Amino acid sequence: MSEDLKRAAAARALDLVEDGMRLGLGTGSTAKHFVALLGERVRAGLRVVGVPTSEATRAQAEGEGVPLAALDDLPELDLTVDGADELDEELRLIKGGGGALLREKIVAAASRRMIVIADGSKRVARLGRFPLPIEVAPFGLEATRRALTRTLDGFRLPLDLRLRRAANGEPYVTDGGHLILDARLEAIESPDALAAALVAIPGVVEHGLFLGLATGAVLATEQGLVELGQV
């Protein structure tokens, strides 16, 4: 049923797409449904240009026949549609479970609107149940890890940082050539303060707290679609 819910949320987001739009195309299992449905509309005559947030999304969109461009060529986007690993009532997000958080955040920030699509299980009262991805430079990994540990300790958060690994057991490497440390924090009391502290650490490239970027969300639940913010 979960995939059906994701597809329902993606279909609602597709209603927001108008001819001629410049779109940010998200990464992940729910965004994948959106790209597939968008491809159907494009093949039926819809004219849009997409900016993918990962190489996986790029490959899918190309296969679907969706015209693509680089963000440097389209630095201002009309709409980004992406999933989320968690979102709260203020539309604050944790993203990066798929490893594309850096590009996802750059694309979202370049967009006039960002709509989150997800199944209802991703809605939480407080962020932190899903591990927070922190993208880091490979150089000086241990020094960065220690600095992160000191920062988390200052927020009285669990000191549980784990290097993400690929299916073959090797360290997971992002499209940008970085590594990811997943922080299992349980509950984040002050997302804004934590976000500011994380970006101040040398070696941290980006983190998965998406604050002030999402303008609306479409959540698919067993009872139907729930919309938050401005959709």
C-alpha atoms as a PDB file:
ATOM      1  CA  MET A   1       0.000   0.000   0.000  1.00  0.00           C
ATOM      2  CA  SER A   2       2.892   2.381   0.698  1.00  0.00           C
ATOM      3  CA  GLU A   3       3.826   2.648  -2.995  1.00  0.00           C
ATOM      4  CA  ASP A   4       0.203   3.363  -3.872  1.00  0.00           C
ATOM      5  CA  LEU A   5       0.179   6.168  -1.302  1.00  0.00           C
ATOM      6  CA  LYS A   6       3.385   7.629  -2.670  1.00  0.00           C
ATOM      7  CA  ARG A   7       1.996   7.560  -6.203  1.00  0.00           C
ATOM      8  CA  ALA A   8      -1.173   9.314  -5.034  1.00  0.00           C
ATOM      9  CA  ALA A   9       0.851  12.126  -3.477  1.00  0.00           C
ATOM     10  CA  ALA A  10       2.943  12.399  -6.636  1.00  0.00           C
ATOM     11  CA  ALA A  11      -0.182  12.603  -8.788  1.00  0.00           C
ATOM     12  CA  ARG A  12      -1.514  15.504  -6.694  1.00  0.00           C
ATOM     13  CA  ALA A  13       1.781  17.359  -7.078  1.00  0.00           C
ATOM     14  CA  LEU A  14       1.621  16.837 -10.819  1.00  0.00           C
ATOM     15  CA  ASP A  15      -1.591  18.908 -10.822  1.00  0.00           C
ATOM     16  CA  LEU A  16       0.577  21.909  -9.882  1.00  0.00           C
ATOM     17  CA  VAL A  17       2.751  21.618 -13.001  1.00  0.00           C
ATOM     18  CA  GLU A  18       1.929  24.036 -15.785  1.00  0.00           C
ATOM     19  CA  ASP A  19       3.124  24.217 -19.351  1.00  0.00           C
ATOM     20  CA  GLY A  20       6.478  25.961 -19.667  1.00  0.00           C
ATOM     21  CA  MET A  21       7.568  25.425 -16.062  1.00  0.00           C
ATOM     22  CA  ARG A  22      11.137  24.978 -14.896  1.00  0.00           C
ATOM     23  CA  LEU A  23      11.086  22.111 -12.412  1.00  0.00           C
ATOM     24  CA  GLY A  24      13.397  20.760  -9.766  1.00  0.00           C
ATOM     25  CA  LEU A  25      13.187  16.975  -9.784  1.00  0.00           C
ATOM     26  CA  GLY A  26      13.771  15.348  -6.413  1.00  0.00           C
ATOM     27  CA  THR A  27      15.421  12.096  -5.452  1.00  0.00           C
ATOM     28  CA  GLY A  28      14.011   9.088  -3.634  1.00  0.00           C
ATOM     29  CA  SER A  29      11.204   6.576  -3.789  1.00  0.00           C
ATOM     30  CA  THR A  30       8.328   9.098  -3.773  1.00  0.00           C
ATOM     31  CA  ALA A  31      10.007  11.529  -6.162  1.00  0.00           C
ATOM     32  CA  LYS A  32      10.550   8.595  -8.496  1.00  0.00           C
ATOM     33  CA  HIS A  33       6.771   8.272  -8.867  1.00  0.00           C
ATOM     34  CA  PHE A  34       6.526  11.977  -9.690  1.00  0.00           C
ATOM     35  CA  VAL A  35       9.163  11.726 -12.431  1.00  0.00           C
ATOM     36  CA  ALA A  36       7.379   8.713 -13.936  1.00  0.00           C
ATOM     37  CA  LEU A  37       4.023  10.519 -13.997  1.00  0.00           C
ATOM     38  CA  LEU A  38       5.680  13.661 -15.351  1.00  0.00           C
ATOM     39  CA  GLY A  39       7.167  11.598 -18.160  1.00  0.00           C
ATOM     40  CA  GLU A  40       3.696  10.437 -19.153  1.00  0.00           C
ATOM     41  CA  ARG A  41       2.501  14.045 -19.351  1.00  0.00           C
ATOM     42  CA  VAL A  42       5.566  15.119 -21.337  1.00  0.00           C
ATOM     43  CA  ARG A  43       4.992  12.358 -23.856  1.00  0.00           C
ATOM     44  CA  ALA A  44       1.408  13.615 -24.160  1.00  0.00           C
ATOM     45  CA  GLY A  45       2.617  17.106 -25.036  1.00  0.00           C
ATOM     46  CA  LEU A  46       3.439  18.944 -21.786  1.00  0.00           C
ATOM     47  CA  ARG A  47       6.409  21.292 -22.217  1.00  0.00           C
ATOM     48  CA  VAL A  48       8.674  21.558 -19.183  1.00  0.00           C
ATOM     49  CA  VAL A  49      12.381  21.537 -18.373  1.00  0.00           C
ATOM     50  CA  GLY A  50      13.697  19.691 -15.338  1.00  0.00           C
ATOM     51  CA  VAL A  51      16.787  20.035 -13.177  1.00  0.00           C
ATOM     52  CA  PRO A  52      17.577  16.681 -11.519  1.00  0.00           C
ATOM     53  CA  THR A  53      18.949  16.514  -7.972  1.00  0.00           C
ATOM     54  CA  SER A  54      20.924  13.304  -8.477  1.00  0.00           C
ATOM     55  CA  GLU A  55      22.432  11.149 -11.164  1.00  0.00           C
ATOM     56  CA  ALA A  56      19.767   8.527 -10.441  1.00  0.00           C
ATOM     57  CA  THR A  57      16.999  11.053 -11.088  1.00  0.00           C
ATOM     58  CA  ARG A  58      18.804  12.262 -14.188  1.00  0.00           C
ATOM     59  CA  ALA A  59      18.905   8.735 -15.598  1.00  0.00           C
ATOM     60  CA  GLN A  60      15.231   8.137 -14.850  1.00  0.00           C
ATOM     61  CA  ALA A  61      14.112  11.473 -16.304  1.00  0.00           C
ATOM     62  CA  GLU A  62      16.115  10.912 -19.470  1.00  0.00           C
ATOM     63  CA  GLY A  63      14.519   7.497 -19.822  1.00  0.00           C
ATOM     64  CA  GLU A  64      11.086   9.059 -19.416  1.00  0.00           C
ATOM     65  CA  GLY A  65      11.834  11.661 -22.101  1.00  0.00           C
ATOM     66  CA  VAL A  66      11.753  14.661 -19.751  1.00  0.00           C
ATOM     67  CA  PRO A  67      13.901  17.531 -21.133  1.00  0.00           C
ATOM     68  CA  LEU A  68      16.690  18.403 -18.706  1.00  0.00           C
ATOM     69  CA  ALA A  69      19.026  21.310 -18.060  1.00  0.00           C
ATOM     70  CA  ALA A  70      21.768  22.171 -15.596  1.00  0.00           C
ATOM     71  CA  LEU A  71      20.980  24.517 -12.725  1.00  0.00           C
ATOM     72  CA  ASP A  72      23.634  26.901 -14.051  1.00  0.00           C
ATOM     73  CA  ASP A  73      21.505  27.236 -17.181  1.00  0.00           C
ATOM     74  CA  LEU A  74      18.257  27.596 -15.208  1.00  0.00           C
ATOM     75  CA  PRO A  75      19.301  29.248 -11.929  1.00  0.00           C
ATOM     76  CA  GLU A  76      15.706  30.174 -11.029  1.00  0.00           C
ATOM     77  CA  LEU A  77      13.100  27.425 -10.899  1.00  0.00           C
ATOM     78  CA  ASP A  78       9.324  27.645 -10.652  1.00  0.00           C
ATOM     79  CA  LEU A  79       8.713  24.516  -8.620  1.00  0.00           C
ATOM     80  CA  THR A  80      10.613  21.683  -6.997  1.00  0.00           C
ATOM     81  CA  VAL A  81       8.844  18.457  -6.075  1.00  0.00           C
ATOM     82  CA  ASP A  82      10.731  16.195  -3.700  1.00  0.00           C
ATOM     83  CA  GLY A  83      10.185  13.685  -0.939  1.00  0.00           C
ATOM     84  CA  ALA A  84      11.217  13.843   2.710  1.00  0.00           C
ATOM     85  CA  ASP A  85      12.357  11.399   5.339  1.00  0.00           C
ATOM     86  CA  GLU A  86      10.552  13.423   8.010  1.00  0.00           C
ATOM     87  CA  LEU A  87       8.535  16.615   8.231  1.00  0.00           C
ATOM     88  CA  ASP A  88       6.924  18.432  11.132  1.00  0.00           C
ATOM     89  CA  GLU A  89       3.963  20.784  11.413  1.00  0.00           C
ATOM     90  CA  GLU A  90       6.140  23.779  10.483  1.00  0.00           C
ATOM     91  CA  LEU A  91       7.266  22.078   7.258  1.00  0.00           C
ATOM     92  CA  ARG A  92      10.761  21.595   8.590  1.00  0.00           C
ATOM     93  CA  LEU A  93      12.318  18.522   6.996  1.00  0.00           C
ATOM     94  CA  ILE A  94      14.955  15.885   7.378  1.00  0.00           C
ATOM     95  CA  LYS A  95      16.197  14.777   3.964  1.00  0.00           C
ATOM     96  CA  GLY A  96      19.157  12.864   2.654  1.00  0.00           C
ATOM     97  CA  GLY A  97      18.209   9.246   3.180  1.00  0.00           C
ATOM     98  CA  GLY A  98      18.878   8.785  -0.524  1.00  0.00           C
ATOM     99  CA  GLY A  99      22.236  10.529  -0.280  1.00  0.00           C
ATOM    100  CA  ALA A 100      21.388  13.543  -2.467  1.00  0.00           C
ATOM    101  CA  LEU A 101      20.907  16.191   0.237  1.00  0.00           C
ATOM    102  CA  LEU A 102      23.465  18.680  -1.097  1.00  0.00           C
ATOM    103  CA  ARG A 103      22.020  18.927  -4.591  1.00  0.00           C
ATOM    104  CA  GLU A 104      18.470  18.686  -3.241  1.00  0.00           C
ATOM    105  CA  LYS A 105      19.043  21.679  -0.981  1.00  0.00           C
ATOM    106  CA  ILE A 106      20.701  23.764  -3.702  1.00  0.00           C
ATOM    107  CA  VAL A 107      17.825  23.073  -6.092  1.00  0.00           C
ATOM    108  CA  ALA A 108      15.162  23.720  -3.433  1.00  0.00           C
ATOM    109  CA  ALA A 109      16.785  27.044  -2.530  1.00  0.00           C
ATOM    110  CA  ALA A 110      16.744  28.070  -6.200  1.00  0.00           C
ATOM    111  CA  SER A 111      13.002  27.385  -6.477  1.00  0.00           C
ATOM    112  CA  ARG A 112      10.090  29.730  -6.012  1.00  0.00           C
ATOM    113  CA  ARG A 113       8.116  26.876  -4.433  1.00  0.00           C
ATOM    114  CA  MET A 114       9.027  23.495  -2.967  1.00  0.00           C
ATOM    115  CA  ILE A 115       6.316  20.891  -2.542  1.00  0.00           C
ATOM    116  CA  VAL A 116       7.032  17.817  -0.453  1.00  0.00           C
ATOM    117  CA  ILE A 117       5.316  14.569  -1.384  1.00  0.00           C
ATOM    118  CA  ALA A 118       5.299  11.661   1.045  1.00  0.00           C
ATOM    119  CA  ASP A 119       3.137   9.090   2.713  1.00  0.00           C
ATOM    120  CA  GLY A 120       1.617  10.082   6.038  1.00  0.00           C
ATOM    121  CA  SER A 121       4.095   8.072   8.110  1.00  0.00           C
ATOM    122  CA  LYS A 122       6.745  10.746   7.455  1.00  0.00           C
ATOM    123  CA  ARG A 123       4.815  13.352   9.453  1.00  0.00           C
ATOM    124  CA  VAL A 124       6.160  13.758  12.999  1.00  0.00           C
ATOM    125  CA  ALA A 125       5.537  16.021  15.954  1.00  0.00           C
ATOM    126  CA  ARG A 126       9.281  16.526  16.415  1.00  0.00           C
ATOM    127  CA  LEU A 127      12.175  15.877  14.067  1.00  0.00           C
ATOM    128  CA  GLY A 128      14.847  13.355  14.920  1.00  0.00           C
ATOM    129  CA  ARG A 129      13.388   9.884  14.694  1.00  0.00           C
ATOM    130  CA  PHE A 130      15.021   9.497  11.275  1.00  0.00           C
ATOM    131  CA  PRO A 131      18.831   9.678  11.447  1.00  0.00           C
ATOM    132  CA  LEU A 132      20.109  13.096  10.364  1.00  0.00           C
ATOM    133  CA  PRO A 133      22.459  12.799   7.353  1.00  0.00           C
ATOM    134  CA  ILE A 134      25.549  15.008   7.538  1.00  0.00           C
ATOM    135  CA  GLU A 135      27.573  15.206   4.326  1.00  0.00           C
ATOM    136  CA  VAL A 136      31.285  15.619   5.000  1.00  0.00           C
ATOM    137  CA  ALA A 137      34.528  15.917   3.049  1.00  0.00           C
ATOM    138  CA  PRO A 138      36.627  12.742   3.006  1.00  0.00           C
ATOM    139  CA  PHE A 139      39.714  14.725   3.979  1.00  0.00           C
ATOM    140  CA  GLY A 140      40.060  14.924   7.753  1.00  0.00           C
ATOM    141  CA  LEU A 141      37.096  12.666   8.394  1.00  0.00           C
ATOM    142  CA  GLU A 142      38.124  11.813  11.948  1.00  0.00           C
ATOM    143  CA  ALA A 143      38.740  15.450  12.855  1.00  0.00           C
ATOM    144  CA  THR A 144      35.317  16.360  11.468  1.00  0.00           C
ATOM    145  CA  ARG A 145      33.711  13.494  13.351  1.00  0.00           C
ATOM    146  CA  ARG A 146      35.249  14.693  16.629  1.00  0.00           C
ATOM    147  CA  ALA A 147      34.090  18.254  16.027  1.00  0.00           C
ATOM    148  CA  LEU A 148      30.582  16.963  15.309  1.00  0.00           C
ATOM    149  CA  THR A 149      30.644  14.925  18.497  1.00  0.00           C
ATOM    150  CA  ARG A 150      31.557  18.003  20.549  1.00  0.00           C
ATOM    151  CA  THR A 151      28.759  19.973  18.899  1.00  0.00           C
ATOM    152  CA  LEU A 152      26.153  17.278  19.518  1.00  0.00           C
ATOM    153  CA  ASP A 153      27.318  16.956  23.098  1.00  0.00           C
ATOM    154  CA  GLY A 154      26.776  20.692  23.548  1.00  0.00           C
ATOM    155  CA  PHE A 155      23.158  20.206  22.469  1.00  0.00           C
ATOM    156  CA  ARG A 156      22.862  17.213  24.812  1.00  0.00           C
ATOM    157  CA  LEU A 157      22.084  14.974  21.859  1.00  0.00           C
ATOM    158  CA  PRO A 158      23.092  11.297  21.544  1.00  0.00           C
ATOM    159  CA  LEU A 159      26.690  10.828  20.376  1.00  0.00           C
ATOM    160  CA  ASP A 160      25.815   8.224  17.756  1.00  0.00           C
ATOM    161  CA  LEU A 161      27.508   9.062  14.447  1.00  0.00           C
ATOM    162  CA  ARG A 162      27.784   6.276  11.900  1.00  0.00           C
ATOM    163  CA  LEU A 163      29.577   6.369   8.576  1.00  0.00           C
ATOM    164  CA  ARG A 164      27.092   5.397   5.891  1.00  0.00           C
ATOM    165  CA  ARG A 165      28.117   2.398   3.853  1.00  0.00           C
ATOM    166  CA  ALA A 166      27.068   1.160   0.432  1.00  0.00           C
ATOM    167  CA  ALA A 167      25.619  -2.285  -0.202  1.00  0.00           C
ATOM    168  CA  ASN A 168      29.109  -3.678  -0.816  1.00  0.00           C
ATOM    169  CA  GLY A 169      30.276  -2.557   2.614  1.00  0.00           C
ATOM    170  CA  GLU A 170      32.459   0.261   1.321  1.00  0.00           C
ATOM    171  CA  PRO A 171      31.826   3.852   2.475  1.00  0.00           C
ATOM    172  CA  TYR A 172      28.899   5.415   0.629  1.00  0.00           C
ATOM    173  CA  VAL A 173      30.099   8.184  -1.705  1.00  0.00           C
ATOM    174  CA  THR A 174      27.708  10.931  -2.814  1.00  0.00           C
ATOM    175  CA  ASP A 175      27.420  12.271  -6.356  1.00  0.00           C
ATOM    176  CA  GLY A 176      29.683  15.105  -5.201  1.00  0.00           C
ATOM    177  CA  GLY A 177      32.376  12.738  -3.961  1.00  0.00           C
ATOM    178  CA  HIS A 178      31.643  13.214  -0.271  1.00  0.00           C
ATOM    179  CA  LEU A 179      30.864  10.873   2.622  1.00  0.00           C
ATOM    180  CA  ILE A 180      27.838  10.807   4.911  1.00  0.00           C
ATOM    181  CA  LEU A 181      27.729  10.508   8.686  1.00  0.00           C
ATOM    182  CA  ASP A 182      24.255   9.564   9.937  1.00  0.00           C
ATOM    183  CA  ALA A 183      23.485  11.045  13.362  1.00  0.00           C
ATOM    184  CA  ARG A 184      20.915   9.117  15.375  1.00  0.00           C
ATOM    185  CA  LEU A 185      19.563  11.931  17.522  1.00  0.00           C
ATOM    186  CA  GLU A 186      16.131  10.613  18.614  1.00  0.00           C
ATOM    187  CA  ALA A 187      14.640  14.113  19.029  1.00  0.00           C
ATOM    188  CA  ILE A 188      15.876  17.537  17.897  1.00  0.00           C
ATOM    189  CA  GLU A 189      14.668  20.253  20.260  1.00  0.00           C
ATOM    190  CA  SER A 190      16.228  23.227  18.399  1.00  0.00           C
ATOM    191  CA  PRO A 191      16.540  22.488  14.652  1.00  0.00           C
ATOM    192  CA  ASP A 192      17.505  26.045  13.710  1.00  0.00           C
ATOM    193  CA  ALA A 193      20.279  26.298  16.294  1.00  0.00           C
ATOM    194  CA  LEU A 194      21.587  22.844  15.425  1.00  0.00           C
ATOM    195  CA  ALA A 195      21.612  23.639  11.699  1.00  0.00           C
ATOM    196  CA  ALA A 196      23.642  26.793  12.299  1.00  0.00           C
ATOM    197  CA  ALA A 197      26.118  24.924  14.490  1.00  0.00           C
ATOM    198  CA  LEU A 198      26.604  22.131  11.969  1.00  0.00           C
ATOM    199  CA  VAL A 199      27.413  24.367   9.004  1.00  0.00           C
ATOM    200  CA  ALA A 200      30.020  26.180  11.107  1.00  0.00           C
ATOM    201  CA  ILE A 201      32.126  23.021  11.417  1.00  0.00           C
ATOM    202  CA  PRO A 202      35.003  22.800   8.907  1.00  0.00           C
ATOM    203  CA  GLY A 203      34.623  19.608   6.914  1.00  0.00           C
ATOM    204  CA  VAL A 204      30.817  19.623   6.990  1.00  0.00           C
ATOM    205  CA  VAL A 205      29.599  20.150   3.443  1.00  0.00           C
ATOM    206  CA  GLU A 206      25.861  20.087   4.167  1.00  0.00           C
ATOM    207  CA  HIS A 207      23.295  18.575   6.526  1.00  0.00           C
ATOM    208  CA  GLY A 208      19.838  17.121   6.089  1.00  0.00           C
ATOM    209  CA  LEU A 209      17.869  19.756   7.998  1.00  0.00           C
ATOM    210  CA  PHE A 210      15.796  21.596   5.379  1.00  0.00           C
ATOM    211  CA  LEU A 211      14.449  24.651   7.165  1.00  0.00           C
ATOM    212  CA  GLY A 212      12.359  27.373   5.555  1.00  0.00           C
ATOM    213  CA  LEU A 213      12.500  25.731   2.129  1.00  0.00           C
ATOM    214  CA  ALA A 214       9.267  23.749   1.800  1.00  0.00           C
ATOM    215  CA  THR A 215       6.214  25.861   0.995  1.00  0.00           C
ATOM    216  CA  GLY A 216       3.706  23.009   1.060  1.00  0.00           C
ATOM    217  CA  ALA A 217       3.329  19.270   1.415  1.00  0.00           C
ATOM    218  CA  VAL A 218       1.023  16.568   0.105  1.00  0.00           C
ATOM    219  CA  LEU A 219       0.775  13.547   2.378  1.00  0.00           C
ATOM    220  CA  ALA A 220      -1.040  10.426   1.294  1.00  0.00           C
ATOM    221  CA  THR A 221      -2.734   8.586   4.152  1.00  0.00           C
ATOM    222  CA  GLU A 222      -5.131   5.659   4.371  1.00  0.00           C
ATOM    223  CA  GLN A 223      -7.885   8.244   4.852  1.00  0.00           C
ATOM    224  CA  GLY A 224      -6.902  10.255   1.785  1.00  0.00           C
ATOM    225  CA  LEU A 225      -4.629  13.132   0.857  1.00  0.00           C
ATOM    226  CA  VAL A 226      -3.623  15.689   3.502  1.00  0.00           C
ATOM    227  CA  GLU A 227      -2.201  19.026   2.423  1.00  0.00           C
ATOM    228  CA  LEU A 228      -0.014  21.235   4.610  1.00  0.00           C
ATOM    229  CA  GLY A 229       1.090  24.798   3.982  1.00  0.00           C
ATOM    230  CA  GLN A 230       0.446  26.313   0.559  1.00  0.00           C
ATOM    231  CA  VAL A 231      -0.008  23.675  -2.128  1.00  0.00           C
END
